[in-house]
Every structure is written in C-alpha cells, then in structure tokens.
PDB file of N, CA and C in Angstrom:
ATOM      1  N   MET A   1     -47.887 -90.759 -27.401  1.00  0.00           N
ATOM      2  CA  MET A   1     -48.911 -91.144 -28.298  1.00  0.00           C
ATOM      3  C   MET A   1     -49.017 -91.008 -29.725  1.00  0.00           C
ATOM      4  N   LYS A   2     -49.337 -91.843 -30.696  1.00  0.00           N
ATOM      5  CA  LYS A   2     -49.097 -91.111 -32.080  1.00  0.00           C
ATOM      6  C   LYS A   2     -50.856 -91.704 -32.679  1.00  0.00           C
ATOM      7  N   ARG A   3     -51.181 -90.729 -33.719  1.00  0.00           N
ATOM      8  CA  ARG A   3     -52.144 -90.841 -34.138  1.00  0.00           C
ATOM      9  C   ARG A   3     -52.158 -90.912 -35.733  1.00  0.00           C
ATOM     10  N   THR A   4     -52.868 -91.876 -36.301  1.00  0.00           N
ATOM     11  CA  THR A   4     -52.660 -91.785 -37.758  1.00  0.00           C
ATOM     12  C   THR A   4     -53.834 -92.649 -38.317  1.00  0.00           C
ATOM     13  N   ASN A   5     -54.806 -92.086 -38.921  1.00  0.00           N
ATOM     14  CA  ASN A   5     -56.030 -92.225 -39.738  1.00  0.00           C
ATOM     15  C   ASN A   5     -56.917 -93.021 -38.979  1.00  0.00           C
ATOM     16  N   GLY A   6     -57.208 -92.508 -37.749  1.00  0.00           N
ATOM     17  CA  GLY A   6     -58.404 -92.764 -36.742  1.00  0.00           C
ATOM     18  C   GLY A   6     -57.872 -94.013 -35.939  1.00  0.00           C
ATOM     19  N   ILE A   7     -56.467 -94.205 -36.065  1.00  0.00           N
ATOM     20  CA  ILE A   7     -55.834 -95.493 -35.043  1.00  0.00           C
ATOM     21  C   ILE A   7     -54.933 -94.823 -34.138  1.00  0.00           C
ATOM     22  N   ILE A   8     -55.269 -95.060 -32.991  1.00  0.00           N
ATOM     23  CA  ILE A   8     -54.126 -94.480 -31.967  1.00  0.00           C
ATOM     24  C   ILE A   8     -53.481 -95.680 -31.505  1.00  0.00           C
ATOM     25  N   GLY A   9     -52.108 -95.415 -31.585  1.00  0.00           N
ATOM     26  CA  GLY A   9     -51.178 -96.567 -31.408  1.00  0.00           C
ATOM     27  C   GLY A   9     -50.736 -95.834 -29.924  1.00  0.00           C
ATOM     28  N   TRP A  10     -50.013 -96.831 -28.935  1.00  0.00           N
ATOM     29  CA  TRP A  10     -49.320 -96.914 -27.792  1.00  0.00           C
ATOM     30  C   TRP A  10     -47.962 -97.302 -28.067  1.00  0.00           C
ATOM     31  N   ALA A  11     -47.225 -96.195 -27.753  1.00  0.00           N
ATOM     32  CA  ALA A  11     -45.638 -96.212 -28.398  1.00  0.00           C
ATOM     33  C   ALA A  11     -44.965 -97.866 -27.456  1.00  0.00           C
ATOM     34  N   GLY A  12     -45.656 -98.317 -26.474  1.00  0.00           N
ATOM     35  CA  GLY A  12     -44.962 -99.319 -26.190  1.00  0.00           C
ATOM     36  C   GLY A  12     -45.389-100.690 -26.694  1.00  0.00           C
ATOM     37  N   VAL A  13     -46.505-100.608 -27.448  1.00  0.00           N
ATOM     38  CA  VAL A  13     -46.757-101.671 -28.126  1.00  0.00           C
ATOM     39  C   VAL A  13     -46.529-101.834 -29.373  1.00  0.00           C
ATOM     40  N   LYS A  14     -45.387-103.039 -29.398  1.00  0.00           N
ATOM     41  CA  LYS A  14     -44.894-103.089 -31.149  1.00  0.00           C
ATOM     42  C   LYS A  14     -45.611-103.676 -32.286  1.00  0.00           C
ATOM     43  N   GLU A  15     -46.555-105.077 -31.790  1.00  0.00           N
ATOM     44  CA  GLU A  15     -47.463-105.819 -32.714  1.00  0.00           C
ATOM     45  C   GLU A  15     -48.531-106.432 -31.637  1.00  0.00           C
ATOM     46  N   GLY A  16     -49.281-107.045 -32.351  1.00  0.00           N
ATOM     47  CA  GLY A  16     -50.917-107.659 -32.223  1.00  0.00           C
ATOM     48  C   GLY A  16     -51.841-106.584 -32.325  1.00  0.00           C
ATOM     49  N   PRO A  17     -52.937-107.441 -31.795  1.00  0.00           N
ATOM     50  CA  PRO A  17     -54.478-106.382 -32.123  1.00  0.00           C
ATOM     51  C   PRO A  17     -54.402-105.020 -31.326  1.00  0.00           C
ATOM     52  N   ALA A  18     -53.853-105.390 -30.260  1.00  0.00           N
ATOM     53  CA  ALA A  18     -53.963-104.098 -28.894  1.00  0.00           C
ATOM     54  C   ALA A  18     -53.627-102.972 -29.784  1.00  0.00           C
ATOM     55  N   ASP A  19     -52.538-102.864 -30.681  1.00  0.00           N
ATOM     56  CA  ASP A  19     -51.903-101.491 -31.156  1.00  0.00           C
ATOM     57  C   ASP A  19     -52.737-101.051 -32.050  1.00  0.00           C
ATOM     58  N   CYS A  20     -53.899-101.484 -32.742  1.00  0.00           N
ATOM     59  CA  CYS A  20     -54.609-100.823 -33.477  1.00  0.00           C
ATOM     60  C   CYS A  20     -56.068-100.709 -33.189  1.00  0.00           C
ATOM     61  N   ILE A  21     -56.307-100.351 -32.042  1.00  0.00           N
ATOM     62  CA  ILE A  21     -57.710-100.227 -31.489  1.00  0.00           C
ATOM     63  C   ILE A  21     -58.229 -98.770 -32.260  1.00  0.00           C
ATOM     64  N   LYS A  22     -59.244 -98.602 -32.901  1.00  0.00           N
ATOM     65  CA  LYS A  22     -59.554 -97.653 -33.835  1.00  0.00           C
ATOM     66  C   LYS A  22     -60.680 -96.889 -32.999  1.00  0.00           C
ATOM     67  N   THR A  23     -60.852 -95.389 -32.796  1.00  0.00           N
ATOM     68  CA  THR A  23     -61.918 -94.796 -31.889  1.00  0.00           C
ATOM     69  C   THR A  23     -63.155 -95.262 -32.370  1.00  0.00           C
ATOM     70  N   SER A  24     -63.286 -95.565 -33.488  1.00  0.00           N
ATOM     71  CA  SER A  24     -64.501 -95.854 -34.217  1.00  0.00           C
ATOM     72  C   SER A  24     -64.999 -97.103 -33.516  1.00  0.00           C
ATOM     73  N   GLU A  25     -64.015 -97.989 -33.382  1.00  0.00           N
ATOM     74  CA  GLU A  25     -64.765 -99.173 -32.637  1.00  0.00           C
ATOM     75  C   GLU A  25     -64.892 -99.086 -31.083  1.00  0.00           C
ATOM     76  N   VAL A  26     -64.534 -98.358 -30.572  1.00  0.00           N
ATOM     77  CA  VAL A  26     -64.722 -97.737 -29.063  1.00  0.00           C
ATOM     78  C   VAL A  26     -65.957 -97.290 -29.083  1.00  0.00           C
ATOM     79  N   THR A  27     -66.270 -96.169 -30.209  1.00  0.00           N
ATOM     80  CA  THR A  27     -67.306 -95.418 -30.311  1.00  0.00           C
ATOM     81  C   THR A  27     -68.708 -96.531 -30.411  1.00  0.00           C
ATOM     82  N   ALA A  28     -68.529 -97.455 -31.242  1.00  0.00           N
ATOM     83  CA  ALA A  28     -69.464 -98.253 -31.598  1.00  0.00           C
ATOM     84  C   ALA A  28     -69.774 -99.261 -30.343  1.00  0.00           C
ATOM     85  N   ALA A  29     -68.784 -99.701 -29.752  1.00  0.00           N
ATOM     86  CA  ALA A  29     -68.965-100.452 -28.437  1.00  0.00           C
ATOM     87  C   ALA A  29     -69.784 -99.593 -27.363  1.00  0.00           C
ATOM     88  N   LEU A  30     -69.363 -98.304 -27.292  1.00  0.00           N
ATOM     89  CA  LEU A  30     -70.258 -97.754 -26.233  1.00  0.00           C
ATOM     90  C   LEU A  30     -71.568 -97.574 -26.525  1.00  0.00           C
ATOM     91  N   LYS A  31     -71.957 -97.169 -27.610  1.00  0.00           N
ATOM     92  CA  LYS A  31     -73.484 -97.180 -28.469  1.00  0.00           C
ATOM     93  C   LYS A  31     -73.943 -98.370 -28.145  1.00  0.00           C
ATOM     94  N   ARG A  32     -73.358 -99.655 -27.997  1.00  0.00           N
ATOM     95  CA  ARG A  32     -73.918-100.902 -27.701  1.00  0.00           C
ATOM     96  C   ARG A  32     -74.307-101.337 -26.400  1.00  0.00           C
ATOM     97  N   MET A  33     -73.499-100.504 -25.750  1.00  0.00           N
ATOM     98  CA  MET A  33     -73.854-100.628 -24.231  1.00  0.00           C
ATOM     99  C   MET A  33     -75.181-100.142 -23.684  1.00  0.00           C
ATOM    100  N   LYS A  34     -75.777-100.862 -22.708  1.00  0.00           N
ATOM    101  CA  LYS A  34     -77.104-100.768 -22.243  1.00  0.00           C
ATOM    102  C   LYS A  34     -77.159 -99.021 -21.605  1.00  0.00           C
ATOM    103  N   LYS A  35     -78.290 -98.461 -21.903  1.00  0.00           N
ATOM    104  CA  LYS A  35     -78.171 -96.859 -21.229  1.00  0.00           C
ATOM    105  C   LYS A  35     -78.968 -97.099 -19.917  1.00  0.00           C
ATOM    106  N   HIS A  36     -78.685 -95.992 -19.379  1.00  0.00           N
ATOM    107  CA  HIS A  36     -79.114 -95.924 -17.680  1.00  0.00           C
ATOM    108  C   HIS A  36     -78.749 -96.705 -16.669  1.00  0.00           C
ATOM    109  N   LYS A  37     -77.689 -97.339 -16.772  1.00  0.00           N
ATOM    110  CA  LYS A  37     -76.979 -98.460 -16.278  1.00  0.00           C
ATOM    111  C   LYS A  37     -75.996 -97.852 -15.162  1.00  0.00           C
ATOM    112  N   ALA A  38     -75.815 -98.391 -13.771  1.00  0.00           N
ATOM    113  CA  ALA A  38     -75.151 -97.901 -13.007  1.00  0.00           C
ATOM    114  C   ALA A  38     -73.723 -97.841 -13.202  1.00  0.00           C
ATOM    115  N   PRO A  39     -72.731 -96.757 -13.123  1.00  0.00           N
ATOM    116  CA  PRO A  39     -71.485 -97.069 -13.596  1.00  0.00           C
ATOM    117  C   PRO A  39     -70.526 -97.893 -12.897  1.00  0.00           C
ATOM    118  N   GLY A  40     -69.606 -98.694 -13.092  1.00  0.00           N
ATOM    119  CA  GLY A  40     -68.677 -99.241 -12.359  1.00  0.00           C
ATOM    120  C   GLY A  40     -67.790 -98.499 -11.298  1.00  0.00           C
ATOM    121  N   LEU A  41     -66.636 -99.278 -11.116  1.00  0.00           N
ATOM    122  CA  LEU A  41     -65.694 -98.470 -10.267  1.00  0.00           C
ATOM    123  C   LEU A  41     -65.058 -97.223 -10.822  1.00  0.00           C
ATOM    124  N   SER A  42     -65.014 -96.752 -12.033  1.00  0.00           N
ATOM    125  CA  SER A  42     -64.427 -95.609 -12.665  1.00  0.00           C
ATOM    126  C   SER A  42     -65.420 -94.369 -12.359  1.00  0.00           C
ATOM    127  N   ARG A  43     -66.860 -94.915 -11.937  1.00  0.00           N
ATOM    128  CA  ARG A  43     -68.003 -93.977 -12.057  1.00  0.00           C
ATOM    129  C   ARG A  43     -68.487 -93.028 -12.862  1.00  0.00           C
ATOM    130  N   LEU A  44     -67.808 -93.700 -14.181  1.00  0.00           N
ATOM    131  CA  LEU A  44     -67.973 -92.973 -15.544  1.00  0.00           C
ATOM    132  C   LEU A  44     -68.886 -94.162 -16.648  1.00  0.00           C
ATOM    133  N   ALA A  45     -70.403 -93.575 -16.412  1.00  0.00           N
ATOM    134  CA  ALA A  45     -71.046 -94.053 -17.410  1.00  0.00           C
ATOM    135  C   ALA A  45     -70.926 -94.268 -18.791  1.00  0.00           C
ATOM    136  N   ALA A  46     -71.292 -94.908 -19.718  1.00  0.00           N
ATOM    137  CA  ALA A  46     -71.030 -95.199 -21.338  1.00  0.00           C
ATOM    138  C   ALA A  46     -71.696 -93.868 -21.596  1.00  0.00           C
ATOM    139  N   GLU A  47     -72.913 -93.126 -21.439  1.00  0.00           N
ATOM    140  CA  GLU A  47     -73.467 -92.065 -21.580  1.00  0.00           C
ATOM    141  C   GLU A  47     -72.455 -90.904 -21.457  1.00  0.00           C
ATOM    142  N   MET A  48     -71.824 -90.886 -20.798  1.00  0.00           N
ATOM    143  CA  MET A  48     -71.158 -89.838 -20.020  1.00  0.00           C
ATOM    144  C   MET A  48     -69.893 -89.857 -21.279  1.00  0.00           C
ATOM    145  N   ILE A  49     -69.394 -90.937 -21.145  1.00  0.00           N
ATOM    146  CA  ILE A  49     -68.318 -91.096 -22.399  1.00  0.00           C
ATOM    147  C   ILE A  49     -68.553 -90.501 -23.707  1.00  0.00           C
ATOM    148  N   LEU A  50     -69.812 -91.084 -24.037  1.00  0.00           N
ATOM    149  CA  LEU A  50     -70.271 -90.665 -25.532  1.00  0.00           C
ATOM    150  C   LEU A  50     -70.329 -89.109 -25.424  1.00  0.00           C
ATOM    151  N   ALA A  51     -71.059 -88.601 -24.474  1.00  0.00           N
ATOM    152  CA  ALA A  51     -71.240 -86.978 -24.409  1.00  0.00           C
ATOM    153  C   ALA A  51     -70.168 -86.228 -24.547  1.00  0.00           C
ATOM    154  N   THR A  52     -68.953 -86.610 -24.468  1.00  0.00           N
ATOM    155  CA  THR A  52     -68.015 -85.951 -24.605  1.00  0.00           C
ATOM    156  C   THR A  52     -67.277 -85.686 -25.874  1.00  0.00           C
ATOM    157  N   GLY A  53     -68.017 -86.795 -26.702  1.00  0.00           N
ATOM    158  CA  GLY A  53     -67.537 -86.981 -28.338  1.00  0.00           C
ATOM    159  C   GLY A  53     -66.256 -87.634 -28.659  1.00  0.00           C
ATOM    160  N   TYR A  54     -65.635 -87.044 -29.781  1.00  0.00           N
ATOM    161  CA  TYR A  54     -64.387 -87.587 -30.118  1.00  0.00           C
ATOM    162  C   TYR A  54     -63.319 -87.577 -28.987  1.00  0.00           C
ATOM    163  N   ILE A  55     -63.176 -86.439 -27.950  1.00  0.00           N
ATOM    164  CA  ILE A  55     -62.186 -86.554 -27.119  1.00  0.00           C
ATOM    165  C   ILE A  55     -62.488 -87.722 -26.319  1.00  0.00           C
ATOM    166  N   GLY A  56     -63.623 -87.732 -25.759  1.00  0.00           N
ATOM    167  CA  GLY A  56     -63.982 -88.916 -24.564  1.00  0.00           C
ATOM    168  C   GLY A  56     -63.552 -90.495 -25.440  1.00  0.00           C
ATOM    169  N   THR A  57     -64.181 -90.912 -26.634  1.00  0.00           N
ATOM    170  CA  THR A  57     -63.542 -91.862 -26.765  1.00  0.00           C
ATOM    171  C   THR A  57     -62.216 -92.076 -27.296  1.00  0.00           C
ATOM    172  N   GLN A  58     -61.386 -91.117 -27.779  1.00  0.00           N
ATOM    173  CA  GLN A  58     -60.011 -91.198 -27.906  1.00  0.00           C
ATOM    174  C   GLN A  58     -59.523 -91.310 -26.503  1.00  0.00           C
ATOM    175  N   TRP A  59     -59.899 -90.993 -25.347  1.00  0.00           N
ATOM    176  CA  TRP A  59     -59.266 -90.879 -23.923  1.00  0.00           C
ATOM    177  C   TRP A  59     -59.568 -92.496 -23.820  1.00  0.00           C
ATOM    178  N   MET A  60     -60.737 -92.922 -24.252  1.00  0.00           N
ATOM    179  CA  MET A  60     -61.296 -94.143 -23.687  1.00  0.00           C
ATOM    180  C   MET A  60     -60.342 -95.536 -24.750  1.00  0.00           C
ATOM    181  N   SER A  61     -59.942 -94.966 -25.818  1.00  0.00           N
ATOM    182  CA  SER A  61     -58.782 -95.685 -26.383  1.00  0.00           C
ATOM    183  C   SER A  61     -57.613 -95.957 -25.977  1.00  0.00           C
ATOM    184  N   CYS A  62     -57.156 -94.501 -25.294  1.00  0.00           N
ATOM    185  CA  CYS A  62     -56.025 -94.674 -24.671  1.00  0.00           C
ATOM    186  C   CYS A  62     -56.042 -95.650 -23.464  1.00  0.00           C
ATOM    187  N   VAL A  63     -56.950 -95.357 -22.957  1.00  0.00           N
ATOM    188  CA  VAL A  63     -56.931 -95.977 -21.512  1.00  0.00           C
ATOM    189  C   VAL A  63     -57.210 -97.627 -21.625  1.00  0.00           C
ATOM    190  N   ILE A  64     -57.729 -98.257 -22.739  1.00  0.00           N
ATOM    191  CA  ILE A  64     -58.044 -99.649 -23.353  1.00  0.00           C
ATOM    192  C   ILE A  64     -56.367-100.104 -23.600  1.00  0.00           C
ATOM    193  N   LEU A  65     -55.779 -99.195 -24.604  1.00  0.00           N
ATOM    194  CA  LEU A  65     -54.509 -99.551 -25.110  1.00  0.00           C
ATOM    195  C   LEU A  65     -53.520 -99.825 -23.726  1.00  0.00           C
ATOM    196  N   HIS A  66     -53.903 -98.830 -22.986  1.00  0.00           N
ATOM    197  CA  HIS A  66     -52.725 -98.448 -21.476  1.00  0.00           C
ATOM    198  C   HIS A  66     -52.812 -99.813 -20.935  1.00  0.00           C
ATOM    199  N   MET A  67     -54.452-100.324 -20.660  1.00  0.00           N
ATOM    200  CA  MET A  67     -54.340-101.435 -19.708  1.00  0.00           C
ATOM    201  C   MET A  67     -54.221-102.607 -20.631  1.00  0.00           C
ATOM    202  N   THR A  68     -54.445-102.805 -21.555  1.00  0.00           N
ATOM    203  CA  THR A  68     -53.883-103.801 -22.649  1.00  0.00           C
ATOM    204  C   THR A  68     -52.304-104.142 -22.390  1.00  0.00           C
ATOM    205  N   TYR A  69     -51.550-102.785 -22.517  1.00  0.00           N
ATOM    206  CA  TYR A  69     -50.301-102.961 -22.531  1.00  0.00           C
ATOM    207  C   TYR A  69     -49.553-103.427 -21.139  1.00  0.00           C
ATOM    208  N   ILE A  70     -50.111-102.651 -19.960  1.00  0.00           N
ATOM    209  CA  ILE A  70     -50.092-103.488 -18.630  1.00  0.00           C
ATOM    210  C   ILE A  70     -50.208-104.978 -18.258  1.00  0.00           C
ATOM    211  N   THR A  71     -51.374-105.325 -18.760  1.00  0.00           N
ATOM    212  CA  THR A  71     -51.712-106.488 -18.225  1.00  0.00           C
ATOM    213  C   THR A  71     -51.255-107.692 -19.289  1.00  0.00           C
ATOM    214  N   GLY A  72     -51.057-107.119 -20.534  1.00  0.00           N
ATOM    215  CA  GLY A  72     -50.918-108.248 -21.501  1.00  0.00           C
ATOM    216  C   GLY A  72     -51.770-108.916 -22.125  1.00  0.00           C
ATOM    217  N   LEU A  73     -52.822-108.651 -22.140  1.00  0.00           N
ATOM    218  CA  LEU A  73     -54.044-109.376 -22.497  1.00  0.00           C
ATOM    219  C   LEU A  73     -54.553-108.782 -23.863  1.00  0.00           C
TER     220      LEU A  73
END
C-alpha cells in the first residue's frame, strides 16, 4: 500500500476512480452517517471507526479499495 498526499492507493489497481479514494472522503462519509444505529455484519458502527481517528479512516479506505479491487465495482 502506498500513501501520497492523503491518497491511499492499492497496488493492484492501475486506473479508475477506485485507486484514488481519499481518507478525507471516507471521514466525510462516516460523519454523514446516522448516529446510534446498529452496526452491520462487521459489527463496527460509524462512531467506532470515527473514534479511532486517522488510523481508523485509513483502515476503512484500505478496506474499500480492497473490496473494490476484488469485486471490480
């Protein structure tokens, strides 16, 4: 995994919008989510990820990039 200027890129992704998801975009999306809602299958609520700060949003960015790479969406 490489990191440059707030952008996390997955090594297997060569082109397209999925290779440039910014951690600031993930943070903004997490902040827009409704609070005090039941977590999904991961059992992680948005508040839990936000509470971890930058490390949590960086991890979430990697998860999104990995899932995008695997599914091709």
